[in-house]
């Protein structure tokens, strides 16, 4: 009975995997096929790289790539610092109003980012930061999800390690850097102040996957904030290209442009899929 149940679950999982994989197969096949005015799931025309070359030269993809990389890397680096400090304060330090602060941060996880588009845009307009890279990144410099995730991990770390570090003369920043941060790294073994940390959790890896994928694919906010090609991201450039005459009303060109955009994420997933999966499996919520 157990074997039948296990087989049924495997078949169901395989069916779901094929269903989710089908759009990617169609996209890749169409991107490398000669343009045609009719759609088929599997390509029925000659293989070609011409679509990629055409769309790369039709719009400034190099500029869009650079803009997106800057936004993704800078945003994550700032989130790394702000979320670590905030999570440490909420998990380790005792201060008045701590519960209220955590409740306010937790509420931000529930509120969708799209709800805040209007007030955020008005604030940026008053600051003169519209159509700038800083304007795109500024609302995301603090991440409630990262703070919540890291706080849960920091609370699972024995305070005896931090107390031992302080006895050795470590400052608050050294305690964070040498005790709490290594325990949230995606490593098999972490050594903090000569003591092996218990069951290190890949909190940073988990949030890195979420942050990079979200900001790489973010479309609505960059579309509203940017007006010039010098600050547009890949997703905004794709939307403009799909509606332009350069697309030539061909699905092959649109698919080729989409393939160029998702290629870095596909490569990262294929080479780091084990780490990605382990990061989410290991990043359980602990209190």
C-alpha atoms as a PDB file:
ATOM      1  CA  UNK A   1       0.000   0.000   0.000  1.00  0.00           C
ATOM      2  CA  UNK A   2       2.830   2.366   0.901  1.00  0.00           C
ATOM      3  CA  UNK A   3       4.586   1.576  -2.376  1.00  0.00           C
ATOM      4  CA  UNK A   4       1.434   2.363  -4.373  1.00  0.00           C
ATOM      5  CA  UNK A   5       0.992   5.620  -2.489  1.00  0.00           C
ATOM      6  CA  UNK A   6       4.626   6.551  -3.069  1.00  0.00           C
ATOM      7  CA  UNK A   7       4.318   5.770  -6.776  1.00  0.00           C
ATOM      8  CA  UNK A   8       1.149   7.842  -7.074  1.00  0.00           C
ATOM      9  CA  UNK A   9       2.826  10.805  -5.393  1.00  0.00           C
ATOM     10  CA  UNK A  10       5.837  10.495  -7.710  1.00  0.00           C
ATOM     11  CA  UNK A  11       3.623  10.370 -10.800  1.00  0.00           C
ATOM     12  CA  UNK A  12       1.643  13.384  -9.593  1.00  0.00           C
ATOM     13  CA  UNK A  13       4.852  15.318  -8.881  1.00  0.00           C
ATOM     14  CA  UNK A  14       6.212  14.423 -12.315  1.00  0.00           C
ATOM     15  CA  UNK A  15       2.994  15.605 -13.968  1.00  0.00           C
ATOM     16  CA  UNK A  16       3.203  18.925 -12.126  1.00  0.00           C
ATOM     17  CA  UNK A  17       6.865  19.304 -13.079  1.00  0.00           C
ATOM     18  CA  UNK A  18       6.085  18.707 -16.767  1.00  0.00           C
ATOM     19  CA  UNK A  19       3.197  21.165 -16.607  1.00  0.00           C
ATOM     20  CA  UNK A  20       5.422  23.892 -15.157  1.00  0.00           C
ATOM     21  CA  UNK A  21       8.244  23.018 -17.566  1.00  0.00           C
ATOM     22  CA  UNK A  22       6.081  23.212 -20.695  1.00  0.00           C
ATOM     23  CA  UNK A  23       6.129  27.044 -21.035  1.00  0.00           C
ATOM     24  CA  UNK A  24       9.934  27.075 -20.715  1.00  0.00           C
ATOM     25  CA  UNK A  25      10.281  24.380 -23.382  1.00  0.00           C
ATOM     26  CA  UNK A  26       8.023  26.348 -25.718  1.00  0.00           C
ATOM     27  CA  UNK A  27       9.905  29.602 -25.030  1.00  0.00           C
ATOM     28  CA  UNK A  28      13.351  28.123 -25.705  1.00  0.00           C
ATOM     29  CA  UNK A  29      12.195  26.247 -28.783  1.00  0.00           C
ATOM     30  CA  UNK A  30      10.530  29.343 -30.251  1.00  0.00           C
ATOM     31  CA  UNK A  31      13.479  31.589 -29.424  1.00  0.00           C
ATOM     32  CA  UNK A  32      15.815  29.428 -31.522  1.00  0.00           C
ATOM     33  CA  UNK A  33      13.429  28.876 -34.457  1.00  0.00           C
ATOM     34  CA  UNK A  34      12.924  30.969 -37.550  1.00  0.00           C
ATOM     35  CA  UNK A  35      10.115  33.533 -37.085  1.00  0.00           C
ATOM     36  CA  UNK A  36       6.638  32.463 -38.144  1.00  0.00           C
ATOM     37  CA  UNK A  37       3.180  34.003 -37.907  1.00  0.00           C
ATOM     38  CA  UNK A  38       1.609  30.916 -36.326  1.00  0.00           C
ATOM     39  CA  UNK A  39       2.292  29.310 -32.955  1.00  0.00           C
ATOM     40  CA  UNK A  40       3.214  25.686 -32.295  1.00  0.00           C
ATOM     41  CA  UNK A  41       4.323  24.050 -29.052  1.00  0.00           C
ATOM     42  CA  UNK A  42       7.321  22.345 -30.646  1.00  0.00           C
ATOM     43  CA  UNK A  43       9.358  24.251 -33.266  1.00  0.00           C
ATOM     44  CA  UNK A  44       8.713  23.222 -36.842  1.00  0.00           C
ATOM     45  CA  UNK A  45      11.209  25.531 -38.558  1.00  0.00           C
ATOM     46  CA  UNK A  46      14.970  25.714 -38.924  1.00  0.00           C
ATOM     47  CA  UNK A  47      17.213  26.259 -35.888  1.00  0.00           C
ATOM     48  CA  UNK A  48      18.784  29.725 -35.789  1.00  0.00           C
ATOM     49  CA  UNK A  49      20.634  32.182 -33.551  1.00  0.00           C
ATOM     50  CA  UNK A  50      19.382  35.079 -35.621  1.00  0.00           C
ATOM     51  CA  UNK A  51      16.576  35.958 -33.225  1.00  0.00           C
ATOM     52  CA  UNK A  52      18.993  36.511 -30.335  1.00  0.00           C
ATOM     53  CA  UNK A  53      21.266  38.649 -32.477  1.00  0.00           C
ATOM     54  CA  UNK A  54      18.341  40.669 -33.801  1.00  0.00           C
ATOM     55  CA  UNK A  55      16.780  41.531 -30.437  1.00  0.00           C
ATOM     56  CA  UNK A  56      20.155  42.251 -28.816  1.00  0.00           C
ATOM     57  CA  UNK A  57      20.840  44.925 -31.421  1.00  0.00           C
ATOM     58  CA  UNK A  58      17.237  46.174 -31.640  1.00  0.00           C
ATOM     59  CA  UNK A  59      17.174  47.595 -28.107  1.00  0.00           C
ATOM     60  CA  UNK A  60      19.984  48.504 -25.655  1.00  0.00           C
ATOM     61  CA  UNK A  61      20.044  45.175 -23.815  1.00  0.00           C
ATOM     62  CA  UNK A  62      23.589  45.791 -22.558  1.00  0.00           C
ATOM     63  CA  UNK A  63      22.447  48.942 -20.767  1.00  0.00           C
ATOM     64  CA  UNK A  64      19.375  47.175 -19.360  1.00  0.00           C
ATOM     65  CA  UNK A  65      21.549  44.319 -18.100  1.00  0.00           C
ATOM     66  CA  UNK A  66      23.943  46.736 -16.387  1.00  0.00           C
ATOM     67  CA  UNK A  67      21.085  48.649 -14.778  1.00  0.00           C
ATOM     68  CA  UNK A  68      19.465  45.451 -13.501  1.00  0.00           C
ATOM     69  CA  UNK A  69      22.734  44.089 -12.121  1.00  0.00           C
ATOM     70  CA  UNK A  70      23.414  47.340 -10.284  1.00  0.00           C
ATOM     71  CA  UNK A  71      19.920  47.387  -8.798  1.00  0.00           C
ATOM     72  CA  UNK A  72      19.997  43.742  -7.713  1.00  0.00           C
ATOM     73  CA  UNK A  73      23.508  43.790  -6.209  1.00  0.00           C
ATOM     74  CA  UNK A  74      23.279  47.156  -4.437  1.00  0.00           C
ATOM     75  CA  UNK A  75      19.800  46.445  -3.062  1.00  0.00           C
ATOM     76  CA  UNK A  76      20.850  43.081  -1.648  1.00  0.00           C
ATOM     77  CA  UNK A  77      24.051  44.496  -0.117  1.00  0.00           C
ATOM     78  CA  UNK A  78      22.121  47.244   1.671  1.00  0.00           C
ATOM     79  CA  UNK A  79      19.451  44.762   2.781  1.00  0.00           C
ATOM     80  CA  UNK A  80      22.207  42.496   4.073  1.00  0.00           C
ATOM     81  CA  UNK A  81      23.449  45.206   6.443  1.00  0.00           C
ATOM     82  CA  UNK A  82      20.144  46.728   7.534  1.00  0.00           C
ATOM     83  CA  UNK A  83      18.377  43.389   8.014  1.00  0.00           C
ATOM     84  CA  UNK A  84      21.245  41.893  10.008  1.00  0.00           C
ATOM     85  CA  UNK A  85      21.397  44.826  12.401  1.00  0.00           C
ATOM     86  CA  UNK A  86      17.622  44.998  12.814  1.00  0.00           C
ATOM     87  CA  UNK A  87      17.320  41.233  13.334  1.00  0.00           C
ATOM     88  CA  UNK A  88      20.066  41.281  15.961  1.00  0.00           C
ATOM     89  CA  UNK A  89      18.364  44.112  17.827  1.00  0.00           C
ATOM     90  CA  UNK A  90      15.009  42.316  17.837  1.00  0.00           C
ATOM     91  CA  UNK A  91      16.396  38.880  18.699  1.00  0.00           C
ATOM     92  CA  UNK A  92      19.107  39.650  21.247  1.00  0.00           C
ATOM     93  CA  UNK A  93      18.749  43.150  22.659  1.00  0.00           C
ATOM     94  CA  UNK A  94      16.081  44.184  25.145  1.00  0.00           C
ATOM     95  CA  UNK A  95      14.568  47.633  24.677  1.00  0.00           C
ATOM     96  CA  UNK A  96      11.274  49.345  25.342  1.00  0.00           C
ATOM     97  CA  UNK A  97       8.691  48.864  22.600  1.00  0.00           C
ATOM     98  CA  UNK A  98      10.472  45.858  21.115  1.00  0.00           C
ATOM     99  CA  UNK A  99       7.249  43.904  20.641  1.00  0.00           C
ATOM    100  CA  UNK A 100       5.560  46.844  18.933  1.00  0.00           C
ATOM    101  CA  UNK A 101       8.483  47.352  16.560  1.00  0.00           C
ATOM    102  CA  UNK A 102       8.461  43.687  15.600  1.00  0.00           C
ATOM    103  CA  UNK A 103       4.685  43.787  15.050  1.00  0.00           C
ATOM    104  CA  UNK A 104       5.034  46.768  12.713  1.00  0.00           C
ATOM    105  CA  UNK A 105       7.786  45.019  10.747  1.00  0.00           C
ATOM    106  CA  UNK A 106       5.755  41.828  10.573  1.00  0.00           C
ATOM    107  CA  UNK A 107       2.766  43.762   9.211  1.00  0.00           C
ATOM    108  CA  UNK A 108       4.915  44.897   6.281  1.00  0.00           C
ATOM    109  CA  UNK A 109       5.215  41.270   5.171  1.00  0.00           C
ATOM    110  CA  UNK A 110       1.438  41.063   4.888  1.00  0.00           C
ATOM    111  CA  UNK A 111       1.053  44.323   2.928  1.00  0.00           C
ATOM    112  CA  UNK A 112       1.835  43.856  -0.798  1.00  0.00           C
ATOM    113  CA  UNK A 113       4.438  46.213  -2.255  1.00  0.00           C
ATOM    114  CA  UNK A 114       2.003  47.318  -4.966  1.00  0.00           C
ATOM    115  CA  UNK A 115      -0.240  48.926  -2.339  1.00  0.00           C
ATOM    116  CA  UNK A 116       2.566  51.342  -1.446  1.00  0.00           C
ATOM    117  CA  UNK A 117       3.389  52.400  -5.001  1.00  0.00           C
ATOM    118  CA  UNK A 118       1.477  55.711  -4.879  1.00  0.00           C
ATOM    119  CA  UNK A 119       2.876  57.009  -1.542  1.00  0.00           C
ATOM    120  CA  UNK A 120       6.369  55.809  -2.452  1.00  0.00           C
ATOM    121  CA  UNK A 121       6.241  57.562  -5.815  1.00  0.00           C
ATOM    122  CA  UNK A 122       4.972  60.787  -4.237  1.00  0.00           C
ATOM    123  CA  UNK A 123       7.799  60.669  -1.710  1.00  0.00           C
ATOM    124  CA  UNK A 124      10.403  60.120  -4.426  1.00  0.00           C
ATOM    125  CA  UNK A 125       8.916  62.961  -6.489  1.00  0.00           C
ATOM    126  CA  UNK A 126       9.257  65.321  -3.505  1.00  0.00           C
ATOM    127  CA  UNK A 127      12.854  64.189  -3.088  1.00  0.00           C
ATOM    128  CA  UNK A 128      13.613  64.577  -6.796  1.00  0.00           C
ATOM    129  CA  UNK A 129      14.628  60.920  -7.168  1.00  0.00           C
ATOM    130  CA  UNK A 130      12.257  59.823  -9.937  1.00  0.00           C
ATOM    131  CA  UNK A 131      13.931  58.294 -12.995  1.00  0.00           C
ATOM    132  CA  UNK A 132      17.048  57.414 -10.975  1.00  0.00           C
ATOM    133  CA  UNK A 133      18.551  54.127  -9.890  1.00  0.00           C
ATOM    134  CA  UNK A 134      18.487  55.277  -6.267  1.00  0.00           C
ATOM    135  CA  UNK A 135      14.757  55.947  -6.608  1.00  0.00           C
ATOM    136  CA  UNK A 136      14.153  52.388  -7.793  1.00  0.00           C
ATOM    137  CA  UNK A 137      16.181  50.853  -4.957  1.00  0.00           C
ATOM    138  CA  UNK A 138      15.302  53.139  -2.048  1.00  0.00           C
ATOM    139  CA  UNK A 139      11.933  51.571  -1.029  1.00  0.00           C
ATOM    140  CA  UNK A 140      13.605  48.137  -0.808  1.00  0.00           C
ATOM    141  CA  UNK A 141      16.649  49.037   1.291  1.00  0.00           C
ATOM    142  CA  UNK A 142      14.841  47.601   4.297  1.00  0.00           C
ATOM    143  CA  UNK A 143      13.287  44.145   3.991  1.00  0.00           C
ATOM    144  CA  UNK A 144      10.721  42.975   6.536  1.00  0.00           C
ATOM    145  CA  UNK A 145      11.023  39.397   5.265  1.00  0.00           C
ATOM    146  CA  UNK A 146      14.803  39.361   5.760  1.00  0.00           C
ATOM    147  CA  UNK A 147      14.477  40.834   9.246  1.00  0.00           C
ATOM    148  CA  UNK A 148      11.864  38.266  10.215  1.00  0.00           C
ATOM    149  CA  UNK A 149      13.850  35.343   8.780  1.00  0.00           C
ATOM    150  CA  UNK A 150      17.137  36.374  10.396  1.00  0.00           C
ATOM    151  CA  UNK A 151      15.480  37.174  13.707  1.00  0.00           C
ATOM    152  CA  UNK A 152      14.107  33.636  13.918  1.00  0.00           C
ATOM    153  CA  UNK A 153      17.569  32.214  13.239  1.00  0.00           C
ATOM    154  CA  UNK A 154      19.318  34.530  15.673  1.00  0.00           C
ATOM    155  CA  UNK A 155      16.893  33.580  18.445  1.00  0.00           C
ATOM    156  CA  UNK A 156      17.831  29.913  17.963  1.00  0.00           C
ATOM    157  CA  UNK A 157      21.507  30.648  18.689  1.00  0.00           C
ATOM    158  CA  UNK A 158      22.502  30.061  22.335  1.00  0.00           C
ATOM    159  CA  UNK A 159      23.213  33.361  24.055  1.00  0.00           C
ATOM    160  CA  UNK A 160      26.140  31.684  25.796  1.00  0.00           C
ATOM    161  CA  UNK A 161      28.155  32.116  22.584  1.00  0.00           C
ATOM    162  CA  UNK A 162      27.526  35.866  22.541  1.00  0.00           C
ATOM    163  CA  UNK A 163      28.301  36.152  26.259  1.00  0.00           C
ATOM    164  CA  UNK A 164      31.576  34.275  25.746  1.00  0.00           C
ATOM    165  CA  UNK A 165      32.471  36.671  22.933  1.00  0.00           C
ATOM    166  CA  UNK A 166      31.760  39.706  25.116  1.00  0.00           C
ATOM    167  CA  UNK A 167      33.869  38.237  27.944  1.00  0.00           C
ATOM    168  CA  UNK A 168      36.719  37.977  25.441  1.00  0.00           C
ATOM    169  CA  UNK A 169      36.326  41.694  24.770  1.00  0.00           C
ATOM    170  CA  UNK A 170      34.269  41.605  21.573  1.00  0.00           C
ATOM    171  CA  UNK A 171      32.226  44.655  20.648  1.00  0.00           C
ATOM    172  CA  UNK A 172      28.596  44.475  19.530  1.00  0.00           C
ATOM    173  CA  UNK A 173      29.590  44.502  15.852  1.00  0.00           C
ATOM    174  CA  UNK A 174      32.243  41.811  16.431  1.00  0.00           C
ATOM    175  CA  UNK A 175      29.653  39.678  18.191  1.00  0.00           C
ATOM    176  CA  UNK A 176      27.312  40.009  15.225  1.00  0.00           C
ATOM    177  CA  UNK A 177      30.079  39.371  12.676  1.00  0.00           C
ATOM    178  CA  UNK A 178      31.854  36.513  14.446  1.00  0.00           C
ATOM    179  CA  UNK A 179      28.976  34.765  16.251  1.00  0.00           C
ATOM    180  CA  UNK A 180      25.547  35.412  14.740  1.00  0.00           C
ATOM    181  CA  UNK A 181      26.317  35.880  11.055  1.00  0.00           C
ATOM    182  CA  UNK A 182      28.349  32.642  10.643  1.00  0.00           C
ATOM    183  CA  UNK A 183      25.445  30.694  12.130  1.00  0.00           C
ATOM    184  CA  UNK A 184      23.191  31.961   9.346  1.00  0.00           C
ATOM    185  CA  UNK A 185      25.601  31.205   6.499  1.00  0.00           C
ATOM    186  CA  UNK A 186      25.022  28.240   4.142  1.00  0.00           C
ATOM    187  CA  UNK A 187      28.021  26.295   5.443  1.00  0.00           C
ATOM    188  CA  UNK A 188      28.381  22.761   6.713  1.00  0.00           C
ATOM    189  CA  UNK A 189      30.543  23.875   9.629  1.00  0.00           C
ATOM    190  CA  UNK A 190      30.972  27.282  11.208  1.00  0.00           C
ATOM    191  CA  UNK A 191      33.464  28.119  13.893  1.00  0.00           C
ATOM    192  CA  UNK A 192      32.804  31.116  16.103  1.00  0.00           C
ATOM    193  CA  UNK A 193      35.393  32.185  18.648  1.00  0.00           C
ATOM    194  CA  UNK A 194      36.814  28.691  18.735  1.00  0.00           C
ATOM    195  CA  UNK A 195      33.409  27.069  19.325  1.00  0.00           C
ATOM    196  CA  UNK A 196      31.516  25.110  16.698  1.00  0.00           C
ATOM    197  CA  UNK A 197      28.114  26.731  16.227  1.00  0.00           C
ATOM    198  CA  UNK A 198      25.132  24.382  16.536  1.00  0.00           C
ATOM    199  CA  UNK A 199      23.283  23.511  13.354  1.00  0.00           C
ATOM    200  CA  UNK A 200      24.077  26.559  11.199  1.00  0.00           C
ATOM    201  CA  UNK A 201      21.078  27.682   9.127  1.00  0.00           C
ATOM    202  CA  UNK A 202      21.373  29.137   5.609  1.00  0.00           C
ATOM    203  CA  UNK A 203      19.203  32.189   6.271  1.00  0.00           C
ATOM    204  CA  UNK A 204      21.269  34.474   4.085  1.00  0.00           C
ATOM    205  CA  UNK A 205      21.205  32.027   1.197  1.00  0.00           C
ATOM    206  CA  UNK A 206      17.444  31.718   1.472  1.00  0.00           C
ATOM    207  CA  UNK A 207      16.885  35.447   1.432  1.00  0.00           C
ATOM    208  CA  UNK A 208      19.472  35.981  -1.325  1.00  0.00           C
ATOM    209  CA  UNK A 209      17.468  33.701  -3.609  1.00  0.00           C
ATOM    210  CA  UNK A 210      14.249  35.576  -2.806  1.00  0.00           C
ATOM    211  CA  UNK A 211      15.765  39.050  -3.096  1.00  0.00           C
ATOM    212  CA  UNK A 212      17.712  38.505  -6.323  1.00  0.00           C
ATOM    213  CA  UNK A 213      14.868  36.740  -8.132  1.00  0.00           C
ATOM    214  CA  UNK A 214      12.313  39.347  -7.020  1.00  0.00           C
ATOM    215  CA  UNK A 215      14.306  42.403  -8.041  1.00  0.00           C
ATOM    216  CA  UNK A 216      15.532  40.787 -11.263  1.00  0.00           C
ATOM    217  CA  UNK A 217      11.920  40.158 -12.312  1.00  0.00           C
ATOM    218  CA  UNK A 218      10.338  43.262 -10.774  1.00  0.00           C
ATOM    219  CA  UNK A 219       8.385  45.139 -13.428  1.00  0.00           C
ATOM    220  CA  UNK A 220       5.678  47.490 -12.131  1.00  0.00           C
ATOM    221  CA  UNK A 221       7.771  49.687  -9.825  1.00  0.00           C
ATOM    222  CA  UNK A 222      10.663  50.279 -12.293  1.00  0.00           C
ATOM    223  CA  UNK A 223       8.091  50.949 -15.022  1.00  0.00           C
ATOM    224  CA  UNK A 224       6.485  53.718 -12.973  1.00  0.00           C
ATOM    225  CA  UNK A 225       9.688  55.291 -11.683  1.00  0.00           C
ATOM    226  CA  UNK A 226      11.828  55.291 -14.846  1.00  0.00           C
ATOM    227  CA  UNK A 227      11.345  57.344 -17.987  1.00  0.00           C
ATOM    228  CA  UNK A 228      14.659  57.007 -19.817  1.00  0.00           C
ATOM    229  CA  UNK A 229      16.568  54.030 -21.272  1.00  0.00           C
ATOM    230  CA  UNK A 230      19.572  54.894 -19.089  1.00  0.00           C
ATOM    231  CA  UNK A 231      17.675  53.712 -15.995  1.00  0.00           C
ATOM    232  CA  UNK A 232      15.311  51.057 -17.353  1.00  0.00           C
ATOM    233  CA  UNK A 233      15.566  47.461 -16.233  1.00  0.00           C
ATOM    234  CA  UNK A 234      15.373  44.285 -18.304  1.00  0.00           C
ATOM    235  CA  UNK A 235      11.698  43.618 -17.594  1.00  0.00           C
ATOM    236  CA  UNK A 236      10.672  47.153 -18.591  1.00  0.00           C
ATOM    237  CA  UNK A 237      12.810  46.914 -21.716  1.00  0.00           C
ATOM    238  CA  UNK A 238      11.159  43.614 -22.641  1.00  0.00           C
ATOM    239  CA  UNK A 239       7.654  45.097 -22.289  1.00  0.00           C
ATOM    240  CA  UNK A 240       8.572  48.085 -24.464  1.00  0.00           C
ATOM    241  CA  UNK A 241      10.220  45.834 -27.043  1.00  0.00           C
ATOM    242  CA  UNK A 242       7.202  43.491 -27.232  1.00  0.00           C
ATOM    243  CA  UNK A 243       4.962  46.435 -28.147  1.00  0.00           C
ATOM    244  CA  UNK A 244       7.407  48.114 -30.527  1.00  0.00           C
ATOM    245  CA  UNK A 245       7.779  47.751 -34.254  1.00  0.00           C
ATOM    246  CA  UNK A 246      11.203  46.156 -33.678  1.00  0.00           C
ATOM    247  CA  UNK A 247       9.439  43.028 -32.406  1.00  0.00           C
ATOM    248  CA  UNK A 248       7.974  42.742 -35.900  1.00  0.00           C
ATOM    249  CA  UNK A 249       4.879  40.962 -34.511  1.00  0.00           C
ATOM    250  CA  UNK A 250       6.909  37.772 -34.159  1.00  0.00           C
ATOM    251  CA  UNK A 251       6.712  35.480 -31.143  1.00  0.00           C
ATOM    252  CA  UNK A 252      10.205  34.256 -31.958  1.00  0.00           C
ATOM    253  CA  UNK A 253      11.667  37.712 -31.315  1.00  0.00           C
ATOM    254  CA  UNK A 254       9.707  38.183 -28.089  1.00  0.00           C
ATOM    255  CA  UNK A 255      10.762  34.730 -26.867  1.00  0.00           C
ATOM    256  CA  UNK A 256      14.370  35.444 -27.771  1.00  0.00           C
ATOM    257  CA  UNK A 257      14.283  38.660 -25.734  1.00  0.00           C
ATOM    258  CA  UNK A 258      12.706  36.797 -22.809  1.00  0.00           C
ATOM    259  CA  UNK A 259      15.343  34.062 -23.049  1.00  0.00           C
ATOM    260  CA  UNK A 260      18.125  36.660 -22.839  1.00  0.00           C
ATOM    261  CA  UNK A 261      16.570  38.039 -19.658  1.00  0.00           C
ATOM    262  CA  UNK A 262      16.001  34.745 -17.836  1.00  0.00           C
ATOM    263  CA  UNK A 263      19.286  33.125 -18.934  1.00  0.00           C
ATOM    264  CA  UNK A 264      21.352  34.254 -15.879  1.00  0.00           C
ATOM    265  CA  UNK A 265      18.731  32.934 -13.461  1.00  0.00           C
ATOM    266  CA  UNK A 266      18.526  29.628 -15.355  1.00  0.00           C
ATOM    267  CA  UNK A 267      22.306  29.209 -15.264  1.00  0.00           C
ATOM    268  CA  UNK A 268      22.415  30.049 -11.553  1.00  0.00           C
ATOM    269  CA  UNK A 269      19.656  27.550 -10.814  1.00  0.00           C
ATOM    270  CA  UNK A 270      21.227  24.704 -12.794  1.00  0.00           C
ATOM    271  CA  UNK A 271      24.613  25.132 -11.090  1.00  0.00           C
ATOM    272  CA  UNK A 272      23.319  25.958  -7.597  1.00  0.00           C
ATOM    273  CA  UNK A 273      20.021  24.088  -7.459  1.00  0.00           C
ATOM    274  CA  UNK A 274      21.198  21.862  -4.599  1.00  0.00           C
ATOM    275  CA  UNK A 275      22.166  24.878  -2.519  1.00  0.00           C
ATOM    276  CA  UNK A 276      18.881  26.608  -3.401  1.00  0.00           C
ATOM    277  CA  UNK A 277      16.812  23.620  -2.315  1.00  0.00           C
ATOM    278  CA  UNK A 278      18.807  23.037   0.865  1.00  0.00           C
ATOM    279  CA  UNK A 279      18.518  26.693   1.824  1.00  0.00           C
ATOM    280  CA  UNK A 280      14.715  26.578   1.824  1.00  0.00           C
ATOM    281  CA  UNK A 281      14.503  23.132   3.417  1.00  0.00           C
ATOM    282  CA  UNK A 282      16.909  24.093   6.207  1.00  0.00           C
ATOM    283  CA  UNK A 283      15.497  27.557   6.813  1.00  0.00           C
ATOM    284  CA  UNK A 284      12.715  26.444   9.124  1.00  0.00           C
ATOM    285  CA  UNK A 285      10.971  28.910  11.384  1.00  0.00           C
ATOM    286  CA  UNK A 286      12.184  28.611  14.964  1.00  0.00           C
ATOM    287  CA  UNK A 287      11.145  30.551  18.029  1.00  0.00           C
END
